[in-house]
N, C-alpha and C. Protein backbone atom coordinates (compact mmCIF):
# COMPACT_ATOMS: atom_id res chain seq x y z
N MET A 1 22.79 -42.05 25.82
CA MET A 1 21.94 -40.90 25.64
C MET A 1 22.45 -40.09 24.45
N THR A 2 21.52 -39.68 23.59
CA THR A 2 21.87 -38.88 22.44
C THR A 2 21.56 -37.43 22.74
N TYR A 3 22.55 -36.58 22.49
CA TYR A 3 22.37 -35.17 22.76
C TYR A 3 21.89 -34.46 21.49
N ILE A 4 20.98 -33.53 21.68
CA ILE A 4 20.50 -32.73 20.57
C ILE A 4 21.26 -31.41 20.62
N VAL A 5 21.92 -31.08 19.54
CA VAL A 5 22.68 -29.84 19.49
C VAL A 5 22.06 -28.93 18.45
N THR A 6 22.28 -27.67 18.61
CA THR A 6 21.74 -26.71 17.65
C THR A 6 22.68 -26.61 16.45
N VAL A 7 22.13 -26.18 15.36
CA VAL A 7 22.93 -26.00 14.15
C VAL A 7 23.13 -24.52 13.86
N GLN A 8 23.08 -23.71 14.90
CA GLN A 8 23.21 -22.27 14.73
C GLN A 8 24.51 -21.90 14.05
N GLU A 9 25.59 -22.54 14.41
CA GLU A 9 26.88 -22.21 13.80
C GLU A 9 26.88 -22.54 12.31
N ALA A 10 26.29 -23.66 11.94
CA ALA A 10 26.25 -24.05 10.53
C ALA A 10 25.37 -23.11 9.73
N VAL A 11 24.29 -22.64 10.31
CA VAL A 11 23.37 -21.76 9.60
C VAL A 11 23.99 -20.38 9.41
N THR A 12 24.59 -19.84 10.44
CA THR A 12 25.14 -18.49 10.35
C THR A 12 26.51 -18.45 9.69
N ALA A 13 27.11 -19.61 9.46
CA ALA A 13 28.42 -19.62 8.83
C ALA A 13 28.35 -19.11 7.40
N PHE A 14 27.18 -19.22 6.75
CA PHE A 14 27.04 -18.81 5.36
C PHE A 14 26.35 -17.46 5.22
N ALA A 15 26.12 -16.77 6.32
CA ALA A 15 25.38 -15.51 6.29
C ALA A 15 25.99 -14.45 5.37
N PRO A 16 27.31 -14.26 5.31
CA PRO A 16 27.84 -13.21 4.42
C PRO A 16 27.49 -13.44 2.95
N TRP A 17 27.30 -14.67 2.53
CA TRP A 17 26.99 -14.94 1.13
C TRP A 17 25.50 -14.83 0.84
N LEU A 18 24.71 -14.71 1.87
CA LEU A 18 23.26 -14.62 1.69
C LEU A 18 22.76 -13.19 1.64
N GLU A 19 23.63 -12.23 1.83
CA GLU A 19 23.23 -10.82 1.78
C GLU A 19 22.91 -10.42 0.36
N PRO A 20 21.94 -9.51 0.18
CA PRO A 20 21.63 -9.06 -1.18
C PRO A 20 22.78 -8.25 -1.77
N THR A 21 22.93 -8.38 -3.06
CA THR A 21 23.98 -7.64 -3.74
C THR A 21 23.52 -6.20 -3.96
N ASP A 22 24.45 -5.37 -4.39
CA ASP A 22 24.10 -3.98 -4.68
C ASP A 22 23.09 -3.89 -5.82
N ALA A 23 23.22 -4.76 -6.81
CA ALA A 23 22.28 -4.75 -7.93
C ALA A 23 20.88 -5.13 -7.46
N GLU A 24 20.79 -6.12 -6.56
CA GLU A 24 19.48 -6.51 -6.03
C GLU A 24 18.87 -5.39 -5.19
N LEU A 25 19.67 -4.71 -4.40
CA LEU A 25 19.17 -3.59 -3.61
C LEU A 25 18.70 -2.45 -4.50
N ASP A 26 19.41 -2.21 -5.60
CA ASP A 26 18.99 -1.18 -6.55
C ASP A 26 17.67 -1.54 -7.20
N ALA A 27 17.50 -2.83 -7.54
CA ALA A 27 16.24 -3.28 -8.14
C ALA A 27 15.08 -3.12 -7.17
N ILE A 28 15.31 -3.41 -5.91
CA ILE A 28 14.27 -3.24 -4.89
C ILE A 28 13.93 -1.76 -4.75
N GLU A 29 14.95 -0.92 -4.77
CA GLU A 29 14.73 0.53 -4.66
C GLU A 29 13.89 1.05 -5.83
N GLU A 30 14.14 0.53 -7.02
CA GLU A 30 13.36 0.94 -8.18
C GLU A 30 11.90 0.49 -8.08
N GLU A 31 11.66 -0.64 -7.42
CA GLU A 31 10.31 -1.18 -7.28
C GLU A 31 9.55 -0.63 -6.07
N MET A 32 10.20 0.18 -5.25
CA MET A 32 9.56 0.67 -4.03
C MET A 32 8.27 1.45 -4.27
N PRO A 33 8.14 2.29 -5.29
CA PRO A 33 6.86 2.96 -5.51
C PRO A 33 5.71 1.97 -5.75
N VAL A 34 5.99 0.90 -6.50
CA VAL A 34 4.97 -0.11 -6.75
C VAL A 34 4.64 -0.85 -5.46
N ILE A 35 5.66 -1.20 -4.71
CA ILE A 35 5.45 -1.92 -3.45
C ILE A 35 4.64 -1.07 -2.48
N SER A 36 4.98 0.21 -2.36
CA SER A 36 4.24 1.10 -1.45
C SER A 36 2.78 1.25 -1.87
N ALA A 37 2.55 1.35 -3.18
CA ALA A 37 1.18 1.47 -3.67
C ALA A 37 0.39 0.20 -3.39
N GLU A 38 1.03 -0.96 -3.55
CA GLU A 38 0.34 -2.22 -3.26
C GLU A 38 0.04 -2.36 -1.77
N VAL A 39 0.92 -1.84 -0.92
CA VAL A 39 0.66 -1.85 0.52
C VAL A 39 -0.55 -0.98 0.84
N ASP A 40 -0.69 0.14 0.15
CA ASP A 40 -1.87 0.99 0.34
C ASP A 40 -3.15 0.26 -0.04
N VAL A 41 -3.11 -0.53 -1.12
CA VAL A 41 -4.28 -1.33 -1.50
C VAL A 41 -4.60 -2.34 -0.41
N LEU A 42 -3.58 -3.00 0.10
CA LEU A 42 -3.81 -3.98 1.16
C LEU A 42 -4.39 -3.32 2.41
N ASP A 43 -3.89 -2.15 2.77
CA ASP A 43 -4.43 -1.43 3.91
C ASP A 43 -5.92 -1.12 3.72
N ALA A 44 -6.27 -0.68 2.52
CA ALA A 44 -7.66 -0.36 2.24
C ALA A 44 -8.52 -1.62 2.28
N GLN A 45 -8.01 -2.73 1.77
CA GLN A 45 -8.76 -3.97 1.79
C GLN A 45 -8.92 -4.51 3.20
N ILE A 46 -7.89 -4.36 4.02
CA ILE A 46 -7.97 -4.83 5.41
C ILE A 46 -9.03 -4.06 6.18
N LEU A 47 -9.12 -2.76 5.93
CA LEU A 47 -10.15 -1.96 6.60
C LEU A 47 -11.56 -2.43 6.23
N LEU A 48 -11.70 -2.97 5.04
CA LEU A 48 -13.03 -3.38 4.58
C LEU A 48 -13.40 -4.80 4.96
N LEU A 49 -12.51 -5.51 5.64
CA LEU A 49 -12.79 -6.91 5.97
C LEU A 49 -13.95 -7.08 6.94
N ASP A 50 -14.08 -6.19 7.90
CA ASP A 50 -15.07 -6.41 8.95
C ASP A 50 -16.19 -5.38 8.96
N ARG A 51 -16.35 -4.65 7.87
CA ARG A 51 -17.45 -3.69 7.83
C ARG A 51 -17.92 -3.51 6.39
N THR A 52 -19.09 -2.96 6.29
CA THR A 52 -19.65 -2.66 4.99
C THR A 52 -19.00 -1.38 4.48
N PRO A 53 -18.48 -1.39 3.26
CA PRO A 53 -17.80 -0.18 2.78
C PRO A 53 -18.78 0.96 2.53
N ASN A 54 -18.39 2.14 2.97
CA ASN A 54 -19.17 3.32 2.66
C ASN A 54 -18.52 4.03 1.47
N GLU A 55 -18.99 5.21 1.15
CA GLU A 55 -18.48 5.92 -0.03
C GLU A 55 -17.00 6.27 0.11
N LEU A 56 -16.58 6.69 1.30
CA LEU A 56 -15.19 7.05 1.52
C LEU A 56 -14.26 5.84 1.40
N ASP A 57 -14.73 4.69 1.92
CA ASP A 57 -13.93 3.47 1.79
C ASP A 57 -13.77 3.06 0.34
N THR A 58 -14.84 3.19 -0.41
CA THR A 58 -14.80 2.85 -1.83
C THR A 58 -13.83 3.76 -2.58
N ARG A 59 -13.86 5.05 -2.26
CA ARG A 59 -12.92 5.99 -2.88
C ARG A 59 -11.48 5.66 -2.53
N ARG A 60 -11.26 5.34 -1.26
CA ARG A 60 -9.90 5.03 -0.82
C ARG A 60 -9.37 3.81 -1.57
N LEU A 61 -10.18 2.79 -1.72
CA LEU A 61 -9.75 1.60 -2.43
C LEU A 61 -9.51 1.90 -3.91
N ARG A 62 -10.39 2.66 -4.51
CA ARG A 62 -10.24 3.00 -5.93
C ARG A 62 -8.97 3.83 -6.15
N ARG A 63 -8.72 4.80 -5.28
CA ARG A 63 -7.51 5.62 -5.40
C ARG A 63 -6.25 4.80 -5.20
N ALA A 64 -6.32 3.86 -4.27
CA ALA A 64 -5.16 2.99 -4.05
C ALA A 64 -4.90 2.14 -5.29
N HIS A 65 -5.95 1.62 -5.91
CA HIS A 65 -5.78 0.86 -7.16
C HIS A 65 -5.18 1.75 -8.25
N ASN A 66 -5.64 2.99 -8.32
CA ASN A 66 -5.10 3.91 -9.33
C ASN A 66 -3.62 4.21 -9.09
N ARG A 67 -3.22 4.31 -7.80
CA ARG A 67 -1.81 4.53 -7.50
C ARG A 67 -0.95 3.34 -7.93
N VAL A 68 -1.50 2.13 -7.76
CA VAL A 68 -0.77 0.94 -8.21
C VAL A 68 -0.59 0.97 -9.72
N LEU A 69 -1.67 1.27 -10.43
CA LEU A 69 -1.57 1.32 -11.89
C LEU A 69 -0.59 2.40 -12.35
N THR A 70 -0.62 3.55 -11.71
CA THR A 70 0.30 4.63 -12.06
C THR A 70 1.75 4.23 -11.78
N ALA A 71 1.99 3.61 -10.63
CA ALA A 71 3.35 3.19 -10.27
C ALA A 71 3.85 2.11 -11.22
N ARG A 72 2.98 1.16 -11.57
CA ARG A 72 3.39 0.10 -12.51
C ARG A 72 3.68 0.68 -13.89
N THR A 73 2.88 1.64 -14.32
CA THR A 73 3.11 2.27 -15.61
C THR A 73 4.45 3.00 -15.62
N ALA A 74 4.72 3.74 -14.56
CA ALA A 74 5.99 4.46 -14.46
C ALA A 74 7.17 3.49 -14.44
N ALA A 75 7.02 2.37 -13.73
CA ALA A 75 8.10 1.38 -13.67
C ALA A 75 8.32 0.74 -15.04
N ALA A 76 7.23 0.44 -15.74
CA ALA A 76 7.36 -0.16 -17.07
C ALA A 76 8.00 0.82 -18.05
N ASN A 77 7.61 2.09 -17.97
CA ASN A 77 8.20 3.10 -18.84
C ASN A 77 9.68 3.29 -18.54
N ALA A 78 10.03 3.27 -17.27
CA ALA A 78 11.45 3.42 -16.90
C ALA A 78 12.26 2.23 -17.40
N ALA A 79 11.70 1.04 -17.30
CA ALA A 79 12.40 -0.15 -17.78
C ALA A 79 12.55 -0.11 -19.29
N ALA A 80 11.52 0.34 -19.99
CA ALA A 80 11.59 0.43 -21.45
C ALA A 80 12.60 1.49 -21.88
N THR A 81 12.64 2.60 -21.18
CA THR A 81 13.60 3.65 -21.50
C THR A 81 15.03 3.18 -21.26
N ALA A 82 15.21 2.40 -20.17
CA ALA A 82 16.55 1.87 -19.88
C ALA A 82 16.96 0.82 -20.91
N ALA A 83 16.01 0.04 -21.39
CA ALA A 83 16.33 -1.01 -22.35
C ALA A 83 16.57 -0.45 -23.76
N PHE A 84 15.80 0.58 -24.12
CA PHE A 84 15.89 1.16 -25.46
C PHE A 84 16.07 2.68 -25.36
N PRO A 85 17.24 3.15 -24.96
CA PRO A 85 17.43 4.58 -24.76
C PRO A 85 17.32 5.40 -26.04
N GLU A 86 17.63 4.81 -27.20
CA GLU A 86 17.58 5.58 -28.43
C GLU A 86 16.16 5.86 -28.88
N VAL A 87 15.19 5.05 -28.47
CA VAL A 87 13.80 5.27 -28.84
C VAL A 87 13.21 6.41 -28.04
N GLY A 88 13.58 6.53 -26.76
CA GLY A 88 13.03 7.57 -25.90
C GLY A 88 13.55 8.96 -26.21
N ALA A 89 14.64 9.07 -26.95
CA ALA A 89 15.22 10.38 -27.23
C ALA A 89 14.52 11.11 -28.34
């Protein structure tokens, strides 16, 4: 008879090396405004899946799209300022 064993020990043995680094966490933190804005767009789109959009739904979706564009613009400007600090001064 062949026994089936779990590989839980082998999988979790490498867990400390799979944690995100501080630099990766900082990058995620910088992207959070964009991520939150995109979640708002998804929320608005999910609401519209099973009904006909009315004027308020259309506004909500449009505003959510505008928040995404604003957040992406701010992130791009921050990245450009960090890459070329002498130009922004």
